[in-house]
Amino acid sequence: MKTIVFCLEEPSAREMLKGVLPNIFPETVVLHYRYIVFQGKQDLEKQLKKRIRGWRMPNTKFVVMRDQDSADCHDVKEKLVGLCRDAGRPDTLVRVACHELESFYLGDLAAVEKGLNVSNLVCKQNSVKFRDPDHLVSPDKEMERITANRYQKVTGSRAISPHLQLNDNKSKSFMALITGIKQLVEID
């Protein structure tokens, strides 16, 4: 059995993946998922090399996911790829959420509407602001605003993620994550 280990900066990313992963692969694909949740991006970068270098379970693939926040996306990814390479895991999939995980949700307002039971969000999807949510500087604040503070990071991620469309999300970074995970599993 193949195992995918997700190295994540925060618990909300784990909840998002738990809701999305069952929708990516058919039931005939047997995968085991593990989640290593760090205490923020600095902790992830500090401990990542040690954690993945020491992993001894065969048939394991790694996915590292981190928010871009205010840093340069390419610099963040380059640093994480370098840490993985130095750990002897150059085949690790590294994905950066531009700017934050909440961009994934703002890319599919129908999922937010369903998951949080908030009305009239779908009609906003084609507005300039939500056509490319990866460019929003503070997606978490935008989520709080459009949901009248119903969105909380962990519980919101848990509620929204099962409804996310895997083929039609306006967040390019979300689509890159989904595509990357699919390709990682099909490698062997």
N, C-alpha and C. Protein backbone atom coordinates (compact mmCIF):
# COMPACT_ATOMS: atom_id res chain seq x y z
N MET A 1 0.84 -1.18 0.00
CA MET A 1 0.00 0.00 0.00
C MET A 1 0.88 1.24 0.00
N LYS A 2 0.48 2.23 -0.78
CA LYS A 2 1.22 3.48 -0.87
C LYS A 2 0.75 4.43 0.22
N THR A 3 1.70 5.11 0.83
CA THR A 3 1.40 6.10 1.86
C THR A 3 1.82 7.47 1.35
N ILE A 4 0.96 8.45 1.58
CA ILE A 4 1.30 9.84 1.29
C ILE A 4 1.37 10.56 2.63
N VAL A 5 2.52 11.16 2.89
CA VAL A 5 2.72 11.93 4.12
C VAL A 5 2.65 13.40 3.76
N PHE A 6 1.73 14.10 4.39
CA PHE A 6 1.55 15.54 4.18
C PHE A 6 2.23 16.28 5.32
N CYS A 7 3.18 17.13 4.99
CA CYS A 7 3.86 17.98 5.97
C CYS A 7 3.22 19.36 5.85
N LEU A 8 2.57 19.80 6.91
CA LEU A 8 1.71 20.98 6.85
C LEU A 8 2.07 21.97 7.94
N GLU A 9 1.85 23.23 7.66
CA GLU A 9 2.18 24.26 8.64
C GLU A 9 1.12 24.46 9.71
N GLU A 10 -0.12 24.00 9.44
CA GLU A 10 -1.19 24.29 10.39
C GLU A 10 -2.29 23.23 10.34
N PRO A 11 -3.06 23.09 11.43
CA PRO A 11 -4.13 22.10 11.49
C PRO A 11 -5.23 22.31 10.45
N SER A 12 -5.51 23.54 10.06
CA SER A 12 -6.57 23.78 9.07
C SER A 12 -6.24 23.14 7.73
N ALA A 13 -4.96 23.06 7.38
CA ALA A 13 -4.56 22.40 6.13
C ALA A 13 -4.86 20.91 6.19
N ARG A 14 -4.65 20.31 7.36
CA ARG A 14 -4.99 18.89 7.53
C ARG A 14 -6.49 18.68 7.34
N GLU A 15 -7.30 19.54 7.92
CA GLU A 15 -8.75 19.40 7.80
C GLU A 15 -9.21 19.58 6.35
N MET A 16 -8.57 20.51 5.64
CA MET A 16 -8.90 20.70 4.24
C MET A 16 -8.60 19.43 3.45
N LEU A 17 -7.42 18.86 3.67
CA LEU A 17 -7.04 17.65 2.94
C LEU A 17 -7.93 16.46 3.28
N LYS A 18 -8.29 16.32 4.53
CA LYS A 18 -9.18 15.22 4.92
C LYS A 18 -10.52 15.30 4.19
N GLY A 19 -10.97 16.49 3.89
CA GLY A 19 -12.23 16.64 3.16
C GLY A 19 -12.09 16.47 1.67
N VAL A 20 -10.91 16.81 1.13
CA VAL A 20 -10.70 16.79 -0.32
C VAL A 20 -10.21 15.43 -0.83
N LEU A 21 -9.30 14.80 -0.10
CA LEU A 21 -8.67 13.58 -0.60
C LEU A 21 -9.64 12.47 -0.98
N PRO A 22 -10.70 12.21 -0.21
CA PRO A 22 -11.63 11.15 -0.64
C PRO A 22 -12.29 11.43 -1.99
N ASN A 23 -12.32 12.69 -2.40
CA ASN A 23 -12.94 13.05 -3.68
C ASN A 23 -11.96 13.01 -4.85
N ILE A 24 -10.67 12.88 -4.57
CA ILE A 24 -9.67 12.88 -5.63
C ILE A 24 -9.54 11.51 -6.28
N PHE A 25 -9.51 10.46 -5.46
CA PHE A 25 -9.24 9.13 -5.98
C PHE A 25 -10.46 8.22 -5.85
N PRO A 26 -10.66 7.37 -6.83
CA PRO A 26 -11.76 6.41 -6.72
C PRO A 26 -11.49 5.43 -5.58
N GLU A 27 -12.54 4.78 -5.13
CA GLU A 27 -12.40 3.84 -4.01
C GLU A 27 -11.47 2.68 -4.32
N THR A 28 -11.24 2.41 -5.59
CA THR A 28 -10.36 1.31 -5.97
C THR A 28 -8.88 1.62 -5.73
N VAL A 29 -8.54 2.90 -5.56
CA VAL A 29 -7.17 3.29 -5.27
C VAL A 29 -6.99 3.26 -3.76
N VAL A 30 -6.14 2.35 -3.31
CA VAL A 30 -5.92 2.19 -1.87
C VAL A 30 -4.70 3.01 -1.47
N LEU A 31 -4.94 4.01 -0.67
CA LEU A 31 -3.88 4.90 -0.18
C LEU A 31 -4.03 5.08 1.32
N HIS A 32 -2.92 5.29 1.95
CA HIS A 32 -2.92 5.60 3.38
C HIS A 32 -2.35 7.01 3.52
N TYR A 33 -3.03 7.84 4.28
CA TYR A 33 -2.59 9.22 4.46
C TYR A 33 -2.08 9.42 5.88
N ARG A 34 -0.99 10.14 5.98
CA ARG A 34 -0.45 10.57 7.27
C ARG A 34 -0.28 12.07 7.22
N TYR A 35 -0.43 12.70 8.35
CA TYR A 35 -0.31 14.15 8.43
C TYR A 35 0.68 14.52 9.53
N ILE A 36 1.68 15.29 9.15
CA ILE A 36 2.59 15.87 10.13
C ILE A 36 2.28 17.36 10.14
N VAL A 37 1.69 17.80 11.25
CA VAL A 37 1.29 19.19 11.36
C VAL A 37 2.30 19.91 12.26
N PHE A 38 2.94 20.89 11.70
CA PHE A 38 3.93 21.68 12.43
C PHE A 38 3.26 22.86 13.10
N GLN A 39 3.99 23.54 13.94
CA GLN A 39 3.45 24.70 14.65
C GLN A 39 3.85 25.98 13.92
N GLY A 40 3.38 26.11 12.71
CA GLY A 40 3.66 27.29 11.91
C GLY A 40 4.75 27.05 10.89
N LYS A 41 4.96 28.06 10.05
CA LYS A 41 5.91 27.90 8.94
C LYS A 41 7.36 27.82 9.40
N GLN A 42 7.71 28.55 10.46
CA GLN A 42 9.10 28.48 10.93
C GLN A 42 9.40 27.08 11.48
N ASP A 43 8.47 26.50 12.21
CA ASP A 43 8.65 25.16 12.75
C ASP A 43 8.75 24.14 11.61
N LEU A 44 7.91 24.30 10.58
CA LEU A 44 7.96 23.41 9.43
C LEU A 44 9.34 23.46 8.78
N GLU A 45 9.83 24.66 8.52
CA GLU A 45 11.12 24.81 7.86
C GLU A 45 12.28 24.32 8.74
N LYS A 46 12.15 24.47 10.03
CA LYS A 46 13.21 24.06 10.96
C LYS A 46 13.29 22.53 11.07
N GLN A 47 12.14 21.86 11.10
CA GLN A 47 12.13 20.42 11.36
C GLN A 47 11.91 19.53 10.14
N LEU A 48 11.56 20.11 9.01
CA LEU A 48 11.18 19.32 7.84
C LEU A 48 12.25 18.31 7.43
N LYS A 49 13.46 18.78 7.29
CA LYS A 49 14.54 17.91 6.81
C LYS A 49 14.70 16.68 7.72
N LYS A 50 14.71 16.90 9.00
CA LYS A 50 14.88 15.81 9.96
C LYS A 50 13.70 14.84 9.90
N ARG A 51 12.50 15.36 9.78
CA ARG A 51 11.32 14.50 9.80
C ARG A 51 11.23 13.60 8.57
N ILE A 52 11.51 14.17 7.38
CA ILE A 52 11.37 13.32 6.19
C ILE A 52 12.60 12.45 5.96
N ARG A 53 13.76 12.90 6.41
CA ARG A 53 14.96 12.06 6.28
C ARG A 53 14.82 10.80 7.14
N GLY A 54 14.20 10.94 8.30
CA GLY A 54 14.09 9.82 9.21
C GLY A 54 12.94 8.86 8.93
N TRP A 55 12.15 9.16 7.93
CA TRP A 55 10.99 8.31 7.61
C TRP A 55 11.46 7.00 7.00
N ARG A 56 11.04 5.89 7.57
CA ARG A 56 11.52 4.58 7.12
C ARG A 56 10.46 3.69 6.48
N MET A 57 9.22 4.11 6.44
CA MET A 57 8.17 3.28 5.86
C MET A 57 8.32 3.24 4.34
N PRO A 58 8.37 2.03 3.75
CA PRO A 58 8.50 1.94 2.28
C PRO A 58 7.23 2.42 1.57
N ASN A 59 7.37 2.67 0.28
CA ASN A 59 6.25 3.12 -0.56
C ASN A 59 5.60 4.41 -0.05
N THR A 60 6.44 5.33 0.37
CA THR A 60 5.95 6.59 0.90
C THR A 60 6.33 7.74 -0.03
N LYS A 61 5.36 8.60 -0.27
CA LYS A 61 5.57 9.84 -1.00
C LYS A 61 5.26 10.99 -0.06
N PHE A 62 5.96 12.11 -0.25
CA PHE A 62 5.78 13.27 0.62
C PHE A 62 5.19 14.44 -0.15
N VAL A 63 4.33 15.19 0.56
CA VAL A 63 3.78 16.43 0.05
C VAL A 63 4.01 17.48 1.15
N VAL A 64 4.65 18.58 0.78
CA VAL A 64 4.86 19.68 1.71
C VAL A 64 4.00 20.83 1.23
N MET A 65 3.21 21.38 2.16
CA MET A 65 2.34 22.49 1.81
C MET A 65 2.48 23.59 2.85
N ARG A 66 2.63 24.80 2.35
CA ARG A 66 2.81 25.96 3.22
C ARG A 66 2.12 27.16 2.60
N ASP A 67 1.68 28.09 3.42
CA ASP A 67 1.14 29.35 2.93
C ASP A 67 2.27 30.26 2.44
N GLN A 68 1.97 31.04 1.44
CA GLN A 68 2.93 32.03 0.95
C GLN A 68 3.04 33.18 1.93
N ASP A 69 1.91 33.60 2.49
CA ASP A 69 1.82 34.78 3.33
C ASP A 69 2.38 35.97 2.57
N SER A 70 3.28 36.74 3.16
CA SER A 70 3.78 37.94 2.48
C SER A 70 5.11 37.70 1.76
N ALA A 71 5.61 36.48 1.79
CA ALA A 71 6.88 36.16 1.14
C ALA A 71 6.70 35.99 -0.37
N ASP A 72 7.80 35.91 -1.09
CA ASP A 72 7.77 35.63 -2.53
C ASP A 72 7.51 34.13 -2.72
N CYS A 73 6.49 33.80 -3.49
CA CYS A 73 6.07 32.42 -3.71
C CYS A 73 7.22 31.53 -4.21
N HIS A 74 7.97 32.04 -5.17
CA HIS A 74 9.06 31.26 -5.76
C HIS A 74 10.17 31.02 -4.75
N ASP A 75 10.46 32.02 -3.91
CA ASP A 75 11.48 31.85 -2.88
C ASP A 75 11.06 30.81 -1.85
N VAL A 76 9.80 30.85 -1.45
CA VAL A 76 9.28 29.88 -0.47
C VAL A 76 9.41 28.47 -1.03
N LYS A 77 8.96 28.29 -2.26
CA LYS A 77 9.00 26.95 -2.86
C LYS A 77 10.44 26.49 -3.04
N GLU A 78 11.30 27.36 -3.51
CA GLU A 78 12.72 27.00 -3.72
C GLU A 78 13.37 26.56 -2.41
N LYS A 79 13.07 27.26 -1.33
CA LYS A 79 13.64 26.90 -0.02
C LYS A 79 13.16 25.53 0.43
N LEU A 80 11.85 25.28 0.28
CA LEU A 80 11.29 23.99 0.70
C LEU A 80 11.81 22.84 -0.18
N VAL A 81 11.91 23.07 -1.47
CA VAL A 81 12.46 22.05 -2.37
C VAL A 81 13.90 21.74 -1.98
N GLY A 82 14.67 22.75 -1.64
CA GLY A 82 16.05 22.55 -1.20
C GLY A 82 16.14 21.73 0.07
N LEU A 83 15.27 22.00 1.03
CA LEU A 83 15.26 21.24 2.28
C LEU A 83 14.94 19.76 2.01
N CYS A 84 14.00 19.52 1.12
CA CYS A 84 13.62 18.14 0.78
C CYS A 84 14.76 17.43 0.06
N ARG A 85 15.39 18.13 -0.86
CA ARG A 85 16.52 17.55 -1.58
C ARG A 85 17.66 17.21 -0.61
N ASP A 86 17.95 18.14 0.32
CA ASP A 86 19.00 17.91 1.32
C ASP A 86 18.68 16.74 2.25
N ALA A 87 17.39 16.45 2.40
CA ALA A 87 16.95 15.34 3.25
C ALA A 87 16.96 14.02 2.49
N GLY A 88 17.35 14.05 1.22
CA GLY A 88 17.37 12.82 0.41
C GLY A 88 16.03 12.48 -0.19
N ARG A 89 15.11 13.44 -0.25
CA ARG A 89 13.78 13.23 -0.81
C ARG A 89 13.49 14.24 -1.92
N PRO A 90 14.28 14.19 -3.01
CA PRO A 90 14.08 15.18 -4.08
C PRO A 90 12.76 15.02 -4.83
N ASP A 91 12.08 13.89 -4.65
CA ASP A 91 10.81 13.65 -5.34
C ASP A 91 9.61 14.17 -4.55
N THR A 92 9.86 14.89 -3.48
CA THR A 92 8.78 15.45 -2.66
C THR A 92 8.01 16.52 -3.45
N LEU A 93 6.70 16.45 -3.36
CA LEU A 93 5.85 17.46 -3.99
C LEU A 93 5.74 18.64 -3.04
N VAL A 94 6.11 19.82 -3.51
CA VAL A 94 6.03 21.03 -2.70
C VAL A 94 5.00 21.96 -3.34
N ARG A 95 4.05 22.39 -2.52
CA ARG A 95 3.03 23.30 -2.99
C ARG A 95 2.87 24.46 -2.00
N VAL A 96 2.69 25.65 -2.57
CA VAL A 96 2.53 26.86 -1.77
C VAL A 96 1.14 27.43 -2.04
N ALA A 97 0.38 27.64 -0.97
CA ALA A 97 -0.94 28.27 -1.09
C ALA A 97 -0.74 29.77 -1.21
N CYS A 98 -1.17 30.33 -2.32
CA CYS A 98 -1.00 31.77 -2.56
C CYS A 98 -2.23 32.50 -2.06
N HIS A 99 -2.15 33.36 -1.30
CA HIS A 99 -1.35 33.83 -0.19
C HIS A 99 -1.57 32.97 1.04
N GLU A 100 -2.78 32.46 1.17
CA GLU A 100 -3.15 31.63 2.32
C GLU A 100 -4.09 30.53 1.88
N LEU A 101 -4.27 29.55 2.75
CA LEU A 101 -5.18 28.44 2.49
C LEU A 101 -6.59 28.91 2.11
N GLU A 102 -7.01 30.01 2.69
CA GLU A 102 -8.36 30.51 2.43
C GLU A 102 -8.57 30.89 0.97
N SER A 103 -7.50 31.10 0.22
CA SER A 103 -7.63 31.36 -1.22
C SER A 103 -8.31 30.19 -1.92
N PHE A 104 -8.05 28.97 -1.43
CA PHE A 104 -8.67 27.78 -2.00
C PHE A 104 -10.19 27.87 -1.88
N TYR A 105 -10.65 28.34 -0.73
CA TYR A 105 -12.09 28.43 -0.49
C TYR A 105 -12.72 29.57 -1.28
N LEU A 106 -12.00 30.68 -1.36
CA LEU A 106 -12.52 31.82 -2.13
C LEU A 106 -12.57 31.51 -3.62
N GLY A 107 -11.87 30.49 -4.04
CA GLY A 107 -11.91 30.04 -5.42
C GLY A 107 -13.13 29.20 -5.74
N ASP A 108 -13.88 28.82 -4.72
CA ASP A 108 -15.10 28.02 -4.90
C ASP A 108 -16.13 28.47 -3.87
N LEU A 109 -16.76 29.61 -4.15
CA LEU A 109 -17.72 30.17 -3.21
C LEU A 109 -18.96 29.30 -3.03
N ALA A 110 -19.25 28.44 -4.01
CA ALA A 110 -20.37 27.50 -3.84
C ALA A 110 -20.07 26.54 -2.68
N ALA A 111 -18.83 26.11 -2.56
CA ALA A 111 -18.43 25.22 -1.47
C ALA A 111 -18.53 25.95 -0.12
N VAL A 112 -18.13 27.21 -0.10
CA VAL A 112 -18.24 28.01 1.13
C VAL A 112 -19.70 28.16 1.51
N GLU A 113 -20.54 28.44 0.52
CA GLU A 113 -21.97 28.61 0.77
C GLU A 113 -22.58 27.34 1.36
N LYS A 114 -22.25 26.19 0.76
CA LYS A 114 -22.77 24.90 1.25
C LYS A 114 -22.20 24.55 2.61
N GLY A 115 -20.89 24.65 2.74
CA GLY A 115 -20.23 24.21 3.96
C GLY A 115 -20.58 25.03 5.20
N LEU A 116 -20.72 26.33 5.01
CA LEU A 116 -21.00 27.22 6.15
C LEU A 116 -22.44 27.68 6.21
N ASN A 117 -23.26 27.22 5.26
CA ASN A 117 -24.66 27.60 5.20
C ASN A 117 -24.83 29.12 5.19
N VAL A 118 -24.13 29.73 4.22
CA VAL A 118 -24.20 31.18 4.03
C VAL A 118 -24.85 31.43 2.67
N SER A 119 -25.75 32.36 2.61
CA SER A 119 -26.49 32.62 1.37
C SER A 119 -25.78 33.64 0.48
N ASN A 120 -26.09 33.55 -0.81
CA ASN A 120 -25.72 34.55 -1.81
C ASN A 120 -24.22 34.73 -2.03
N LEU A 121 -23.45 33.68 -1.89
CA LEU A 121 -22.02 33.78 -2.18
C LEU A 121 -21.70 33.39 -3.62
N VAL A 122 -22.41 32.41 -4.15
CA VAL A 122 -22.13 31.91 -5.50
C VAL A 122 -22.16 33.02 -6.53
N CYS A 123 -23.08 33.93 -6.39
CA CYS A 123 -23.22 35.02 -7.37
C CYS A 123 -22.01 35.95 -7.37
N LYS A 124 -21.20 35.91 -6.34
CA LYS A 124 -20.01 36.78 -6.27
C LYS A 124 -18.78 36.17 -6.96
N GLN A 125 -18.86 34.89 -7.34
CA GLN A 125 -17.68 34.19 -7.86
C GLN A 125 -17.07 34.86 -9.09
N ASN A 126 -17.89 35.43 -9.94
CA ASN A 126 -17.36 36.04 -11.16
C ASN A 126 -17.03 37.52 -11.02
N SER A 127 -17.13 38.03 -9.79
CA SER A 127 -16.70 39.41 -9.59
C SER A 127 -15.18 39.47 -9.69
N VAL A 128 -14.65 40.61 -10.00
CA VAL A 128 -13.20 40.76 -10.20
C VAL A 128 -12.42 40.21 -9.01
N LYS A 129 -12.87 40.49 -7.82
CA LYS A 129 -12.17 40.08 -6.60
C LYS A 129 -11.99 38.57 -6.50
N PHE A 130 -13.00 37.80 -6.89
CA PHE A 130 -12.98 36.36 -6.67
C PHE A 130 -12.64 35.54 -7.91
N ARG A 131 -12.37 36.21 -9.04
CA ARG A 131 -11.98 35.48 -10.25
C ARG A 131 -10.58 34.90 -10.12
N ASP A 132 -9.74 35.53 -9.33
CA ASP A 132 -8.38 35.05 -9.11
C ASP A 132 -8.01 35.29 -7.64
N PRO A 133 -8.54 34.46 -6.75
CA PRO A 133 -8.37 34.69 -5.32
C PRO A 133 -6.94 34.58 -4.83
N ASP A 134 -6.05 33.98 -5.62
CA ASP A 134 -4.65 33.88 -5.22
C ASP A 134 -3.97 35.24 -5.11
N HIS A 135 -4.58 36.26 -5.69
CA HIS A 135 -4.00 37.60 -5.64
C HIS A 135 -4.48 38.43 -4.44
N LEU A 136 -5.45 37.91 -3.71
CA LEU A 136 -5.93 38.63 -2.53
C LEU A 136 -4.85 38.59 -1.44
N VAL A 137 -4.56 39.72 -0.85
CA VAL A 137 -3.49 39.80 0.15
C VAL A 137 -3.88 39.16 1.47
N SER A 138 -5.14 39.26 1.87
CA SER A 138 -5.60 38.70 3.15
C SER A 138 -6.85 37.84 2.95
N PRO A 139 -6.70 36.67 2.35
CA PRO A 139 -7.87 35.83 2.11
C PRO A 139 -8.61 35.43 3.39
N ASP A 140 -7.87 35.27 4.49
CA ASP A 140 -8.54 34.90 5.74
C ASP A 140 -9.50 36.01 6.20
N LYS A 141 -9.08 37.24 6.07
CA LYS A 141 -9.94 38.37 6.44
C LYS A 141 -11.15 38.46 5.50
N GLU A 142 -10.92 38.17 4.23
CA GLU A 142 -12.02 38.18 3.26
C GLU A 142 -13.03 37.08 3.59
N MET A 143 -12.55 35.91 3.99
CA MET A 143 -13.44 34.82 4.40
C MET A 143 -14.28 35.23 5.60
N GLU A 144 -13.67 35.85 6.57
CA GLU A 144 -14.42 36.31 7.74
C GLU A 144 -15.49 37.32 7.32
N ARG A 145 -15.11 38.23 6.43
CA ARG A 145 -16.03 39.28 6.00
C ARG A 145 -17.23 38.71 5.25
N ILE A 146 -17.00 37.88 4.24
CA ILE A 146 -18.12 37.41 3.42
C ILE A 146 -18.99 36.38 4.13
N THR A 147 -18.48 35.78 5.20
CA THR A 147 -19.28 34.80 5.95
C THR A 147 -19.82 35.38 7.25
N ALA A 148 -19.68 36.68 7.44
CA ALA A 148 -20.13 37.34 8.68
C ALA A 148 -19.54 36.65 9.91
N ASN A 149 -18.26 36.35 9.83
CA ASN A 149 -17.48 35.72 10.91
C ASN A 149 -17.89 34.29 11.24
N ARG A 150 -18.59 33.62 10.34
CA ARG A 150 -18.90 32.19 10.55
C ARG A 150 -17.67 31.33 10.28
N TYR A 151 -16.78 31.84 9.47
CA TYR A 151 -15.58 31.07 9.13
C TYR A 151 -14.56 31.13 10.26
N GLN A 152 -14.17 29.97 10.73
CA GLN A 152 -13.05 29.80 11.66
C GLN A 152 -12.11 28.81 10.99
N LYS A 153 -10.82 28.98 11.15
CA LYS A 153 -9.85 28.22 10.36
C LYS A 153 -10.08 26.70 10.35
N VAL A 154 -10.09 26.06 11.50
CA VAL A 154 -10.18 24.60 11.54
C VAL A 154 -11.59 24.11 11.24
N THR A 155 -12.58 24.63 11.95
CA THR A 155 -13.94 24.16 11.72
C THR A 155 -14.45 24.55 10.34
N GLY A 156 -14.04 25.71 9.86
CA GLY A 156 -14.42 26.14 8.52
C GLY A 156 -13.81 25.25 7.45
N SER A 157 -12.55 24.90 7.63
CA SER A 157 -11.88 24.01 6.68
C SER A 157 -12.56 22.65 6.65
N ARG A 158 -12.93 22.17 7.81
CA ARG A 158 -13.61 20.88 7.91
C ARG A 158 -14.97 20.92 7.21
N ALA A 159 -15.68 22.03 7.34
CA ALA A 159 -17.03 22.15 6.77
C ALA A 159 -17.02 22.39 5.26
N ILE A 160 -16.06 23.19 4.79
CA ILE A 160 -16.03 23.59 3.38
C ILE A 160 -15.39 22.55 2.47
N SER A 161 -14.30 21.94 2.91
CA SER A 161 -13.47 21.12 2.02
C SER A 161 -14.18 19.96 1.32
N PRO A 162 -15.13 19.26 1.93
CA PRO A 162 -15.79 18.18 1.19
C PRO A 162 -16.58 18.67 -0.03
N HIS A 163 -16.89 19.95 -0.06
CA HIS A 163 -17.70 20.51 -1.15
C HIS A 163 -16.86 21.15 -2.26
N LEU A 164 -15.55 21.25 -2.06
CA LEU A 164 -14.70 21.91 -3.06
C LEU A 164 -14.70 21.14 -4.38
N GLN A 165 -14.90 21.87 -5.48
CA GLN A 165 -14.84 21.28 -6.81
C GLN A 165 -13.37 21.09 -7.19
N LEU A 166 -13.03 19.91 -7.62
CA LEU A 166 -11.64 19.59 -7.93
C LEU A 166 -11.24 19.98 -9.34
N ASN A 167 -12.21 20.28 -10.18
CA ASN A 167 -11.90 20.61 -11.57
C ASN A 167 -12.24 22.04 -11.94
N ASP A 168 -12.83 22.79 -11.03
CA ASP A 168 -13.28 24.13 -11.38
C ASP A 168 -13.14 25.08 -10.19
N ASN A 169 -11.92 25.24 -9.72
CA ASN A 169 -11.65 26.16 -8.63
C ASN A 169 -10.87 27.33 -9.21
N LYS A 170 -11.23 28.54 -8.83
CA LYS A 170 -10.57 29.72 -9.37
C LYS A 170 -9.18 29.95 -8.79
N SER A 171 -8.83 29.22 -7.74
CA SER A 171 -7.49 29.34 -7.15
C SER A 171 -6.52 28.44 -7.93
N LYS A 172 -5.58 29.07 -8.60
CA LYS A 172 -4.59 28.31 -9.36
C LYS A 172 -3.71 27.47 -8.44
N SER A 173 -3.44 27.97 -7.24
CA SER A 173 -2.59 27.20 -6.31
C SER A 173 -3.33 25.96 -5.81
N PHE A 174 -4.65 26.04 -5.66
CA PHE A 174 -5.42 24.85 -5.29
C PHE A 174 -5.38 23.83 -6.42
N MET A 175 -5.58 24.30 -7.63
CA MET A 175 -5.57 23.39 -8.78
C MET A 175 -4.20 22.74 -8.95
N ALA A 176 -3.12 23.49 -8.68
CA ALA A 176 -1.76 22.93 -8.75
C ALA A 176 -1.57 21.85 -7.69
N LEU A 177 -2.13 22.05 -6.51
CA LEU A 177 -2.05 21.04 -5.44
C LEU A 177 -2.77 19.76 -5.87
N ILE A 178 -3.98 19.89 -6.36
CA ILE A 178 -4.77 18.71 -6.76
C ILE A 178 -4.08 17.96 -7.90
N THR A 179 -3.63 18.68 -8.91
CA THR A 179 -2.92 18.06 -10.03
C THR A 179 -1.66 17.36 -9.56
N GLY A 180 -0.91 18.00 -8.69
CA GLY A 180 0.33 17.43 -8.17
C GLY A 180 0.09 16.15 -7.39
N ILE A 181 -0.94 16.13 -6.57
CA ILE A 181 -1.26 14.92 -5.78
C ILE A 181 -1.64 13.78 -6.71
N LYS A 182 -2.46 14.07 -7.72
CA LYS A 182 -2.85 13.04 -8.68
C LYS A 182 -1.63 12.47 -9.39
N GLN A 183 -0.72 13.33 -9.84
CA GLN A 183 0.48 12.88 -10.54
C GLN A 183 1.41 12.10 -9.62
N LEU A 184 1.49 12.49 -8.37
CA LEU A 184 2.34 11.80 -7.41
C LEU A 184 1.89 10.35 -7.23
N VAL A 185 0.61 10.14 -7.17
CA VAL A 185 0.08 8.79 -6.99
C VAL A 185 0.26 7.94 -8.26
N GLU A 186 0.18 8.57 -9.42
CA GLU A 186 0.29 7.83 -10.67
C GLU A 186 1.72 7.55 -11.09
N ILE A 187 2.71 8.04 -10.36
CA ILE A 187 4.11 7.85 -10.73
C ILE A 187 4.49 6.39 -10.84
N ASP A 188 4.07 5.60 -9.86
CA ASP A 188 4.45 4.18 -9.86
C ASP A 188 3.46 3.42 -10.71
